[in-house]
Amino acid sequence: MSARISKISLIVFVVLLVLSAFLLSVAGEYWPWYTVMAVFAIVPLVVGPRRYRLIGAVALLLSVILIVSDYAAGKRLREQRDRISVNTTTLPNIYTASRVKSAHR
């Protein structure tokens, strides 16, 4: 029975992994999905026979790598967004500047 539970859990993990390629979100927003995948990777580690434990360990490692990389990508995206918003607020507004010049003529 434990082999069957492990197999089903790993199949769900693979399905979630494939579906994660089609998520429509920004970087830094995928980690909850990958965390759910990690839960399905932990099940074979706990209840499975030796070969499923090994596959579960690889799946868990993949989930951890995906979570860490998504977190880092989200952090970079937020830094870029903050940098862009700072740069755009310091630039002069061309439209307003041209209206001021035409009003003074």
PDB file of N, CA and C in Angstrom:
ATOM      1  N   MET A   1       0.801  -1.193   0.000  1.00  0.00           N
ATOM      2  CA  MET A   1       0.000   0.000   0.000  1.00  0.00           C
ATOM      3  C   MET A   1       0.852   1.270   0.000  1.00  0.00           C
ATOM      4  N   SER A   2       1.973   1.241   0.731  1.00  0.00           N
ATOM      5  CA  SER A   2       2.826   2.434   0.783  1.00  0.00           C
ATOM      6  C   SER A   2       3.467   2.720  -0.569  1.00  0.00           C
ATOM      7  N   ALA A   3       3.760   1.678  -1.344  1.00  0.00           N
ATOM      8  CA  ALA A   3       4.318   1.884  -2.675  1.00  0.00           C
ATOM      9  C   ALA A   3       3.294   2.561  -3.582  1.00  0.00           C
ATOM     10  N   ARG A   4       2.058   2.169  -3.425  1.00  0.00           N
ATOM     11  CA  ARG A   4       0.998   2.756  -4.244  1.00  0.00           C
ATOM     12  C   ARG A   4       0.788   4.237  -3.894  1.00  0.00           C
ATOM     13  N   ILE A   5       0.784   4.559  -2.613  1.00  0.00           N
ATOM     14  CA  ILE A   5       0.640   5.949  -2.178  1.00  0.00           C
ATOM     15  C   ILE A   5       1.815   6.782  -2.684  1.00  0.00           C
ATOM     16  N   SER A   6       3.012   6.224  -2.591  1.00  0.00           N
ATOM     17  CA  SER A   6       4.200   6.933  -3.063  1.00  0.00           C
ATOM     18  C   SER A   6       4.137   7.182  -4.560  1.00  0.00           C
ATOM     19  N   LYS A   7       3.707   6.180  -5.296  1.00  0.00           N
ATOM     20  CA  LYS A   7       3.613   6.310  -6.748  1.00  0.00           C
ATOM     21  C   LYS A   7       2.599   7.382  -7.132  1.00  0.00           C
ATOM     22  N   ILE A   8       1.453   7.376  -6.492  1.00  0.00           N
ATOM     23  CA  ILE A   8       0.425   8.388  -6.777  1.00  0.00           C
ATOM     24  C   ILE A   8       0.942   9.779  -6.431  1.00  0.00           C
ATOM     25  N   SER A   9       1.612   9.885  -5.319  1.00  0.00           N
ATOM     26  CA  SER A   9       2.155  11.171  -4.903  1.00  0.00           C
ATOM     27  C   SER A   9       3.194  11.687  -5.900  1.00  0.00           C
ATOM     28  N   LEU A  10       4.052  10.811  -6.389  1.00  0.00           N
ATOM     29  CA  LEU A  10       5.052  11.228  -7.377  1.00  0.00           C
ATOM     30  C   LEU A  10       4.415  11.582  -8.715  1.00  0.00           C
ATOM     31  N   ILE A  11       3.342  10.901  -9.075  1.00  0.00           N
ATOM     32  CA  ILE A  11       2.627  11.252 -10.308  1.00  0.00           C
ATOM     33  C   ILE A  11       2.019  12.646 -10.171  1.00  0.00           C
ATOM     34  N   VAL A  12       1.434  12.927  -9.016  1.00  0.00           N
ATOM     35  CA  VAL A  12       0.879  14.269  -8.778  1.00  0.00           C
ATOM     36  C   VAL A  12       1.989  15.309  -8.834  1.00  0.00           C
ATOM     37  N   PHE A  13       3.154  14.988  -8.273  1.00  0.00           N
ATOM     38  CA  PHE A  13       4.299  15.899  -8.328  1.00  0.00           C
ATOM     39  C   PHE A  13       4.669  16.218  -9.773  1.00  0.00           C
ATOM     40  N   VAL A  14       4.765  15.204 -10.606  1.00  0.00           N
ATOM     41  CA  VAL A  14       5.148  15.415 -12.004  1.00  0.00           C
ATOM     42  C   VAL A  14       4.082  16.229 -12.742  1.00  0.00           C
ATOM     43  N   VAL A  15       2.818  15.947 -12.481  1.00  0.00           N
ATOM     44  CA  VAL A  15       1.736  16.718 -13.116  1.00  0.00           C
ATOM     45  C   VAL A  15       1.823  18.185 -12.699  1.00  0.00           C
ATOM     46  N   LEU A  16       2.045  18.449 -11.422  1.00  0.00           N
ATOM     47  CA  LEU A  16       2.187  19.821 -10.953  1.00  0.00           C
ATOM     48  C   LEU A  16       3.419  20.488 -11.549  1.00  0.00           C
ATOM     49  N   LEU A  17       4.492  19.738 -11.707  1.00  0.00           N
ATOM     50  CA  LEU A  17       5.701  20.285 -12.315  1.00  0.00           C
ATOM     51  C   LEU A  17       5.444  20.691 -13.762  1.00  0.00           C
ATOM     52  N   VAL A  18       4.747  19.851 -14.503  1.00  0.00           N
ATOM     53  CA  VAL A  18       4.425  20.179 -15.895  1.00  0.00           C
ATOM     54  C   VAL A  18       3.483  21.380 -15.953  1.00  0.00           C
ATOM     55  N   LEU A  19       2.486  21.395 -15.093  1.00  0.00           N
ATOM     56  CA  LEU A  19       1.542  22.513 -15.090  1.00  0.00           C
ATOM     57  C   LEU A  19       2.190  23.823 -14.653  1.00  0.00           C
ATOM     58  N   SER A  20       3.254  23.748 -13.872  1.00  0.00           N
ATOM     59  CA  SER A  20       3.924  24.977 -13.426  1.00  0.00           C
ATOM     60  C   SER A  20       4.549  25.735 -14.597  1.00  0.00           C
ATOM     61  N   ALA A  21       4.786  25.061 -15.689  1.00  0.00           N
ATOM     62  CA  ALA A  21       5.329  25.742 -16.870  1.00  0.00           C
ATOM     63  C   ALA A  21       4.290  26.663 -17.500  1.00  0.00           C
ATOM     64  N   PHE A  22       3.026  26.447 -17.208  1.00  0.00           N
ATOM     65  CA  PHE A  22       1.956  27.230 -17.811  1.00  0.00           C
ATOM     66  C   PHE A  22       1.369  28.275 -16.862  1.00  0.00           C
ATOM     67  N   LEU A  23       1.985  28.472 -15.707  1.00  0.00           N
ATOM     68  CA  LEU A  23       1.482  29.475 -14.771  1.00  0.00           C
ATOM     69  C   LEU A  23       1.701  30.869 -15.340  1.00  0.00           C
ATOM     70  N   LEU A  24       0.703  31.709 -15.202  1.00  0.00           N
ATOM     71  CA  LEU A  24       0.802  33.088 -15.664  1.00  0.00           C
ATOM     72  C   LEU A  24       0.959  33.986 -14.445  1.00  0.00           C
ATOM     73  N   SER A  25       2.186  34.214 -14.088  1.00  0.00           N
ATOM     74  CA  SER A  25       2.481  35.023 -12.921  1.00  0.00           C
ATOM     75  C   SER A  25       3.863  35.634 -13.101  1.00  0.00           C
ATOM     76  N   VAL A  26       4.222  36.525 -12.213  1.00  0.00           N
ATOM     77  CA  VAL A  26       5.537  37.146 -12.272  1.00  0.00           C
ATOM     78  C   VAL A  26       6.501  36.391 -11.363  1.00  0.00           C
ATOM     79  N   ALA A  27       7.759  36.621 -11.581  1.00  0.00           N
ATOM     80  CA  ALA A  27       8.777  35.970 -10.761  1.00  0.00           C
ATOM     81  C   ALA A  27       8.573  36.359  -9.297  1.00  0.00           C
ATOM     82  N   GLY A  28       8.753  35.404  -8.416  1.00  0.00           N
ATOM     83  CA  GLY A  28       8.544  35.627  -6.997  1.00  0.00           C
ATOM     84  C   GLY A  28       7.150  35.228  -6.539  1.00  0.00           C
ATOM     85  N   GLU A  29       6.296  34.857  -7.458  1.00  0.00           N
ATOM     86  CA  GLU A  29       4.925  34.470  -7.129  1.00  0.00           C
ATOM     87  C   GLU A  29       4.680  32.963  -7.300  1.00  0.00           C
ATOM     88  N   TYR A  30       5.684  32.242  -7.773  1.00  0.00           N
ATOM     89  CA  TYR A  30       5.517  30.807  -8.014  1.00  0.00           C
ATOM     90  C   TYR A  30       5.792  29.954  -6.784  1.00  0.00           C
ATOM     91  N   TRP A  31       6.473  30.479  -5.787  1.00  0.00           N
ATOM     92  CA  TRP A  31       6.950  29.646  -4.692  1.00  0.00           C
ATOM     93  C   TRP A  31       5.835  28.912  -3.947  1.00  0.00           C
ATOM     94  N   PRO A  32       4.613  29.450  -3.801  1.00  0.00           N
ATOM     95  CA  PRO A  32       3.584  28.628  -3.136  1.00  0.00           C
ATOM     96  C   PRO A  32       3.256  27.355  -3.925  1.00  0.00           C
ATOM     97  N   TRP A  33       3.277  27.477  -5.247  1.00  0.00           N
ATOM     98  CA  TRP A  33       3.032  26.312  -6.109  1.00  0.00           C
ATOM     99  C   TRP A  33       4.114  25.269  -5.881  1.00  0.00           C
ATOM    100  N   TYR A  34       5.366  25.723  -5.856  1.00  0.00           N
ATOM    101  CA  TYR A  34       6.477  24.800  -5.654  1.00  0.00           C
ATOM    102  C   TYR A  34       6.460  24.196  -4.249  1.00  0.00           C
ATOM    103  N   THR A  35       5.919  24.915  -3.285  1.00  0.00           N
ATOM    104  CA  THR A  35       5.805  24.380  -1.933  1.00  0.00           C
ATOM    105  C   THR A  35       4.794  23.234  -1.888  1.00  0.00           C
ATOM    106  N   VAL A  36       3.699  23.388  -2.605  1.00  0.00           N
ATOM    107  CA  VAL A  36       2.723  22.295  -2.701  1.00  0.00           C
ATOM    108  C   VAL A  36       3.369  21.086  -3.373  1.00  0.00           C
ATOM    109  N   MET A  37       4.179  21.341  -4.391  1.00  0.00           N
ATOM    110  CA  MET A  37       4.901  20.235  -5.046  1.00  0.00           C
ATOM    111  C   MET A  37       5.821  19.533  -4.054  1.00  0.00           C
ATOM    112  N   ALA A  38       6.463  20.313  -3.190  1.00  0.00           N
ATOM    113  CA  ALA A  38       7.376  19.725  -2.200  1.00  0.00           C
ATOM    114  C   ALA A  38       6.639  18.805  -1.240  1.00  0.00           C
ATOM    115  N   VAL A  39       5.406  19.150  -0.906  1.00  0.00           N
ATOM    116  CA  VAL A  39       4.619  18.292  -0.018  1.00  0.00           C
ATOM    117  C   VAL A  39       4.411  16.921  -0.666  1.00  0.00           C
ATOM    118  N   PHE A  40       4.116  16.923  -1.971  1.00  0.00           N
ATOM    119  CA  PHE A  40       3.937  15.650  -2.662  1.00  0.00           C
ATOM    120  C   PHE A  40       5.256  14.905  -2.844  1.00  0.00           C
ATOM    121  N   ALA A  41       6.374  15.593  -2.751  1.00  0.00           N
ATOM    122  CA  ALA A  41       7.675  14.928  -2.805  1.00  0.00           C
ATOM    123  C   ALA A  41       8.055  14.332  -1.449  1.00  0.00           C
ATOM    124  N   ILE A  42       7.533  14.899  -0.374  1.00  0.00           N
ATOM    125  CA  ILE A  42       7.861  14.416   0.967  1.00  0.00           C
ATOM    126  C   ILE A  42       7.160  13.093   1.276  1.00  0.00           C
ATOM    127  N   VAL A  43       5.964  12.912   0.721  1.00  0.00           N
ATOM    128  CA  VAL A  43       5.194  11.692   1.018  1.00  0.00           C
ATOM    129  C   VAL A  43       5.987  10.421   0.707  1.00  0.00           C
ATOM    130  N   PRO A  44       6.606  10.283  -0.477  1.00  0.00           N
ATOM    131  CA  PRO A  44       7.391   9.063  -0.722  1.00  0.00           C
ATOM    132  C   PRO A  44       8.605   8.934   0.205  1.00  0.00           C
ATOM    133  N   LEU A  45       9.150  10.074   0.636  1.00  0.00           N
ATOM    134  CA  LEU A  45      10.272  10.019   1.572  1.00  0.00           C
ATOM    135  C   LEU A  45       9.857   9.405   2.907  1.00  0.00           C
ATOM    136  N   VAL A  46       8.632   9.624   3.298  1.00  0.00           N
ATOM    137  CA  VAL A  46       8.166   9.170   4.600  1.00  0.00           C
ATOM    138  C   VAL A  46       7.620   7.742   4.543  1.00  0.00           C
ATOM    139  N   VAL A  47       6.819   7.430   3.529  1.00  0.00           N
ATOM    140  CA  VAL A  47       6.116   6.139   3.538  1.00  0.00           C
ATOM    141  C   VAL A  47       6.545   5.171   2.440  1.00  0.00           C
ATOM    142  N   GLY A  48       7.391   5.593   1.535  1.00  0.00           N
ATOM    143  CA  GLY A  48       7.698   4.761   0.375  1.00  0.00           C
ATOM    144  C   GLY A  48       8.821   3.764   0.571  1.00  0.00           C
ATOM    145  N   PRO A  49       8.878   2.781  -0.330  1.00  0.00           N
ATOM    146  CA  PRO A  49      10.030   1.875  -0.342  1.00  0.00           C
ATOM    147  C   PRO A  49      11.284   2.614  -0.834  1.00  0.00           C
ATOM    148  N   ARG A  50      12.390   1.928  -0.813  1.00  0.00           N
ATOM    149  CA  ARG A  50      13.689   2.557  -1.078  1.00  0.00           C
ATOM    150  C   ARG A  50      13.744   3.314  -2.400  1.00  0.00           C
ATOM    151  N   ARG A  51      13.308   2.745  -3.499  1.00  0.00           N
ATOM    152  CA  ARG A  51      13.414   3.431  -4.800  1.00  0.00           C
ATOM    153  C   ARG A  51      12.534   4.677  -4.846  1.00  0.00           C
ATOM    154  N   TYR A  52      11.366   4.629  -4.213  1.00  0.00           N
ATOM    155  CA  TYR A  52      10.503   5.805  -4.179  1.00  0.00           C
ATOM    156  C   TYR A  52      11.065   6.868  -3.238  1.00  0.00           C
ATOM    157  N   ARG A  53      11.768   6.441  -2.209  1.00  0.00           N
ATOM    158  CA  ARG A  53      12.435   7.411  -1.331  1.00  0.00           C
ATOM    159  C   ARG A  53      13.505   8.179  -2.090  1.00  0.00           C
ATOM    160  N   LEU A  54      14.244   7.472  -2.914  1.00  0.00           N
ATOM    161  CA  LEU A  54      15.277   8.118  -3.714  1.00  0.00           C
ATOM    162  C   LEU A  54      14.656   9.109  -4.700  1.00  0.00           C
ATOM    163  N   ILE A  55      13.617   8.696  -5.385  1.00  0.00           N
ATOM    164  CA  ILE A  55      12.937   9.589  -6.336  1.00  0.00           C
ATOM    165  C   ILE A  55      12.303  10.761  -5.588  1.00  0.00           C
ATOM    166  N   GLY A  56      11.736  10.500  -4.425  1.00  0.00           N
ATOM    167  CA  GLY A  56      11.160  11.564  -3.610  1.00  0.00           C
ATOM    168  C   GLY A  56      12.211  12.567  -3.152  1.00  0.00           C
ATOM    169  N   ALA A  57      13.410  12.083  -2.817  1.00  0.00           N
ATOM    170  CA  ALA A  57      14.494  12.980  -2.414  1.00  0.00           C
ATOM    171  C   ALA A  57      14.918  13.881  -3.570  1.00  0.00           C
ATOM    172  N   VAL A  58      15.002  13.314  -4.767  1.00  0.00           N
ATOM    173  CA  VAL A  58      15.342  14.113  -5.947  1.00  0.00           C
ATOM    174  C   VAL A  58      14.238  15.144  -6.224  1.00  0.00           C
ATOM    175  N   ALA A  59      12.985  14.723  -6.099  1.00  0.00           N
ATOM    176  CA  ALA A  59      11.867  15.639  -6.319  1.00  0.00           C
ATOM    177  C   ALA A  59      11.863  16.758  -5.281  1.00  0.00           C
ATOM    178  N   LEU A  60      12.153  16.426  -4.032  1.00  0.00           N
ATOM    179  CA  LEU A  60      12.213  17.446  -2.989  1.00  0.00           C
ATOM    180  C   LEU A  60      13.355  18.424  -3.253  1.00  0.00           C
ATOM    181  N   LEU A  61      14.498  17.910  -3.656  1.00  0.00           N
ATOM    182  CA  LEU A  61      15.631  18.773  -3.996  1.00  0.00           C
ATOM    183  C   LEU A  61      15.265  19.707  -5.148  1.00  0.00           C
ATOM    184  N   LEU A  62      14.589  19.186  -6.161  1.00  0.00           N
ATOM    185  CA  LEU A  62      14.148  20.018  -7.275  1.00  0.00           C
ATOM    186  C   LEU A  62      13.189  21.103  -6.795  1.00  0.00           C
ATOM    187  N   SER A  63      12.272  20.756  -5.912  1.00  0.00           N
ATOM    188  CA  SER A  63      11.333  21.743  -5.373  1.00  0.00           C
ATOM    189  C   SER A  63      12.065  22.844  -4.607  1.00  0.00           C
ATOM    190  N   VAL A  64      13.023  22.463  -3.797  1.00  0.00           N
ATOM    191  CA  VAL A  64      13.788  23.449  -3.032  1.00  0.00           C
ATOM    192  C   VAL A  64      14.561  24.373  -3.964  1.00  0.00           C
ATOM    193  N   ILE A  65      15.178  23.811  -4.992  1.00  0.00           N
ATOM    194  CA  ILE A  65      15.909  24.625  -5.967  1.00  0.00           C
ATOM    195  C   ILE A  65      14.963  25.596  -6.667  1.00  0.00           C
ATOM    196  N   LEU A  66      13.781  25.119  -7.051  1.00  0.00           N
ATOM    197  CA  LEU A  66      12.809  25.988  -7.710  1.00  0.00           C
ATOM    198  C   LEU A  66      12.317  27.094  -6.782  1.00  0.00           C
ATOM    199  N   ILE A  67      12.096  26.778  -5.516  1.00  0.00           N
ATOM    200  CA  ILE A  67      11.642  27.784  -4.552  1.00  0.00           C
ATOM    201  C   ILE A  67      12.706  28.857  -4.365  1.00  0.00           C
ATOM    202  N   VAL A  68      13.951  28.440  -4.170  1.00  0.00           N
ATOM    203  CA  VAL A  68      15.044  29.397  -3.952  1.00  0.00           C
ATOM    204  C   VAL A  68      15.260  30.259  -5.195  1.00  0.00           C
ATOM    205  N   SER A  69      15.241  29.654  -6.367  1.00  0.00           N
ATOM    206  CA  SER A  69      15.453  30.441  -7.592  1.00  0.00           C
ATOM    207  C   SER A  69      14.292  31.399  -7.845  1.00  0.00           C
ATOM    208  N   ASP A  70      13.060  30.983  -7.532  1.00  0.00           N
ATOM    209  CA  ASP A  70      11.924  31.874  -7.709  1.00  0.00           C
ATOM    210  C   ASP A  70      11.992  33.033  -6.727  1.00  0.00           C
ATOM    211  N   TYR A  71      12.383  32.769  -5.512  1.00  0.00           N
ATOM    212  CA  TYR A  71      12.516  33.838  -4.524  1.00  0.00           C
ATOM    213  C   TYR A  71      13.580  34.845  -4.971  1.00  0.00           C
ATOM    214  N   ALA A  72      14.719  34.337  -5.453  1.00  0.00           N
ATOM    215  CA  ALA A  72      15.793  35.222  -5.915  1.00  0.00           C
ATOM    216  C   ALA A  72      15.348  36.035  -7.139  1.00  0.00           C
ATOM    217  N   ALA A  73      14.636  35.408  -8.059  1.00  0.00           N
ATOM    218  CA  ALA A  73      14.149  36.121  -9.244  1.00  0.00           C
ATOM    219  C   ALA A  73      13.137  37.188  -8.858  1.00  0.00           C
ATOM    220  N   GLY A  74      12.287  36.898  -7.898  1.00  0.00           N
ATOM    221  CA  GLY A  74      11.325  37.887  -7.418  1.00  0.00           C
ATOM    222  C   GLY A  74      12.004  39.057  -6.744  1.00  0.00           C
ATOM    223  N   LYS A  75      13.047  38.774  -5.999  1.00  0.00           N
ATOM    224  CA  LYS A  75      13.802  39.835  -5.335  1.00  0.00           C
ATOM    225  C   LYS A  75      14.467  40.747  -6.359  1.00  0.00           C
ATOM    226  N   ARG A  76      15.074  40.148  -7.401  1.00  0.00           N
ATOM    227  CA  ARG A  76      15.683  40.944  -8.469  1.00  0.00           C
ATOM    228  C   ARG A  76      14.632  41.784  -9.191  1.00  0.00           C
ATOM    229  N   LEU A  77      13.469  41.206  -9.454  1.00  0.00           N
ATOM    230  CA  LEU A  77      12.399  41.934 -10.142  1.00  0.00           C
ATOM    231  C   LEU A  77      11.929  43.128  -9.320  1.00  0.00           C
ATOM    232  N   ARG A  78      11.761  42.941  -8.008  1.00  0.00           N
ATOM    233  CA  ARG A  78      11.352  44.056  -7.149  1.00  0.00           C
ATOM    234  C   ARG A  78      12.411  45.154  -7.117  1.00  0.00           C
ATOM    235  N   GLU A  79      13.693  44.759  -7.083  1.00  0.00           N
ATOM    236  CA  GLU A  79      14.766  45.754  -7.094  1.00  0.00           C
ATOM    237  C   GLU A  79      14.772  46.531  -8.403  1.00  0.00           C
ATOM    238  N   GLN A  80      14.579  45.836  -9.527  1.00  0.00           N
ATOM    239  CA  GLN A  80      14.530  46.522 -10.822  1.00  0.00           C
ATOM    240  C   GLN A  80      13.335  47.464 -10.886  1.00  0.00           C
ATOM    241  N   ARG A  81      12.195  47.025 -10.398  1.00  0.00           N
ATOM    242  CA  ARG A  81      10.993  47.858 -10.408  1.00  0.00           C
ATOM    243  C   ARG A  81      11.206  49.101  -9.552  1.00  0.00           C
ATOM    244  N   ASP A  82      11.832  48.938  -8.397  1.00  0.00           N
ATOM    245  CA  ASP A  82      12.109  50.098  -7.546  1.00  0.00           C
ATOM    246  C   ASP A  82      13.100  51.042  -8.208  1.00  0.00           C
ATOM    247  N   ARG A  83      14.107  50.499  -8.854  1.00  0.00           N
ATOM    248  CA  ARG A  83      15.093  51.324  -9.548  1.00  0.00           C
ATOM    249  C   ARG A  83      14.447  52.102 -10.687  1.00  0.00           C
ATOM    250  N   ILE A  84      13.563  51.449 -11.432  1.00  0.00           N
ATOM    251  CA  ILE A  84      12.885  52.111 -12.552  1.00  0.00           C
ATOM    252  C   ILE A  84      11.956  53.205 -12.035  1.00  0.00           C
ATOM    253  N   SER A  85      11.220  52.939 -10.970  1.00  0.00           N
ATOM    254  CA  SER A  85      10.299  53.952 -10.451  1.00  0.00           C
ATOM    255  C   SER A  85      11.061  55.149  -9.895  1.00  0.00           C
ATOM    256  N   VAL A  86      12.231  54.939  -9.312  1.00  0.00           N
ATOM    257  CA  VAL A  86      13.045  56.060  -8.821  1.00  0.00           C
ATOM    258  C   VAL A  86      13.551  56.867 -10.000  1.00  0.00           C
ATOM    259  N   ASN A  87      13.988  56.194 -11.065  1.00  0.00           N
ATOM    260  CA  ASN A  87      14.510  56.905 -12.231  1.00  0.00           C
ATOM    261  C   ASN A  87      13.415  57.692 -12.945  1.00  0.00           C
ATOM    262  N   THR A  88      12.221  57.182 -13.016  1.00  0.00           N
ATOM    263  CA  THR A  88      11.159  57.887 -13.726  1.00  0.00           C
ATOM    264  C   THR A  88      10.630  59.067 -12.923  1.00  0.00           C
ATOM    265  N   THR A  89      10.726  59.048 -11.618  1.00  0.00           N
ATOM    266  CA  THR A  89      10.258  60.190 -10.835  1.00  0.00           C
ATOM    267  C   THR A  89      11.262  61.326 -10.850  1.00  0.00           C
ATOM    268  N   THR A  90      12.522  61.045 -11.139  1.00  0.00           N
ATOM    269  CA  THR A  90      13.530  62.102 -11.170  1.00  0.00           C
ATOM    270  C   THR A  90      13.655  62.729 -12.549  1.00  0.00           C
ATOM    271  N   LEU A  91      13.121  62.111 -13.566  1.00  0.00           N
ATOM    272  CA  LEU A  91      13.187  62.679 -14.912  1.00  0.00           C
ATOM    273  C   LEU A  91      12.176  63.805 -15.051  1.00  0.00           C
ATOM    274  N   PRO A  92      12.513  64.839 -15.803  1.00  0.00           N
ATOM    275  CA  PRO A  92      11.546  65.917 -16.006  1.00  0.00           C
ATOM    276  C   PRO A  92      10.413  65.447 -16.917  1.00  0.00           C
ATOM    277  N   ASN A  93       9.259  65.980 -16.699  1.00  0.00           N
ATOM    278  CA  ASN A  93       8.108  65.651 -17.516  1.00  0.00           C
ATOM    279  C   ASN A  93       8.147  66.523 -18.766  1.00  0.00           C
ATOM    280  N   ILE A  94       8.361  65.932 -19.909  1.00  0.00           N
ATOM    281  CA  ILE A  94       8.524  66.661 -21.171  1.00  0.00           C
ATOM    282  C   ILE A  94       7.241  67.385 -21.548  1.00  0.00           C
ATOM    283  N   TYR A  95       6.115  66.753 -21.341  1.00  0.00           N
ATOM    284  CA  TYR A  95       4.836  67.357 -21.704  1.00  0.00           C
ATOM    285  C   TYR A  95       4.586  68.630 -20.885  1.00  0.00           C
ATOM    286  N   THR A  96       4.816  68.563 -19.588  1.00  0.00           N
ATOM    287  CA  THR A  96       4.610  69.726 -18.728  1.00  0.00           C
ATOM    288  C   THR A  96       5.616  70.825 -19.061  1.00  0.00           C
ATOM    289  N   ALA A  97       6.852  70.460 -19.333  1.00  0.00           N
ATOM    290  CA  ALA A  97       7.876  71.448 -19.662  1.00  0.00           C
ATOM    291  C   ALA A  97       7.529  72.191 -20.952  1.00  0.00           C
ATOM    292  N   SER A  98       6.997  71.516 -21.950  1.00  0.00           N
ATOM    293  CA  SER A  98       6.644  72.181 -23.205  1.00  0.00           C
ATOM    294  C   SER A  98       5.450  73.106 -23.012  1.00  0.00           C
ATOM    295  N   ARG A  99       4.512  72.751 -22.146  1.00  0.00           N
ATOM    296  CA  ARG A  99       3.352  73.622 -21.874  1.00  0.00           C
ATOM    297  C   ARG A  99       3.784  74.878 -21.141  1.00  0.00           C
ATOM    298  N   VAL A 100       4.752  74.755 -20.250  1.00  0.00           N
ATOM    299  CA  VAL A 100       5.239  75.925 -19.503  1.00  0.00           C
ATOM    300  C   VAL A 100       5.944  76.867 -20.445  1.00  0.00           C
ATOM    301  N   LYS A 101       6.753  76.346 -21.376  1.00  0.00           N
ATOM    302  CA  LYS A 101       7.471  77.185 -22.325  1.00  0.00           C
ATOM    303  C   LYS A 101       6.486  77.930 -23.245  1.00  0.00           C
ATOM    304  N   SER A 102       5.444  77.233 -23.711  1.00  0.00           N
ATOM    305  CA  SER A 102       4.489  77.876 -24.604  1.00  0.00           C
ATOM    306  C   SER A 102       3.658  78.927 -23.865  1.00  0.00           C
ATOM    307  N   ALA A 103       3.431  78.777 -22.580  1.00  0.00           N
ATOM    308  CA  ALA A 103       2.662  79.742 -21.816  1.00  0.00           C
ATOM    309  C   ALA A 103       3.442  81.017 -21.592  1.00  0.00           C
ATOM    310  N   HIS A 104       4.786  80.904 -21.537  1.00  0.00           N
ATOM    311  CA  HIS A 104       5.639  82.075 -21.298  1.00  0.00           C
ATOM    312  C   HIS A 104       5.911  82.842 -22.585  1.00  0.00           C
ATOM    313  N   ARG A 105       5.590  82.358 -23.708  1.00  0.00           N
ATOM    314  CA  ARG A 105       5.876  83.058 -24.991  1.00  0.00           C
ATOM    315  C   ARG A 105       4.931  84.153 -25.247  1.00  0.00           C
TER     316      ARG A 105
END
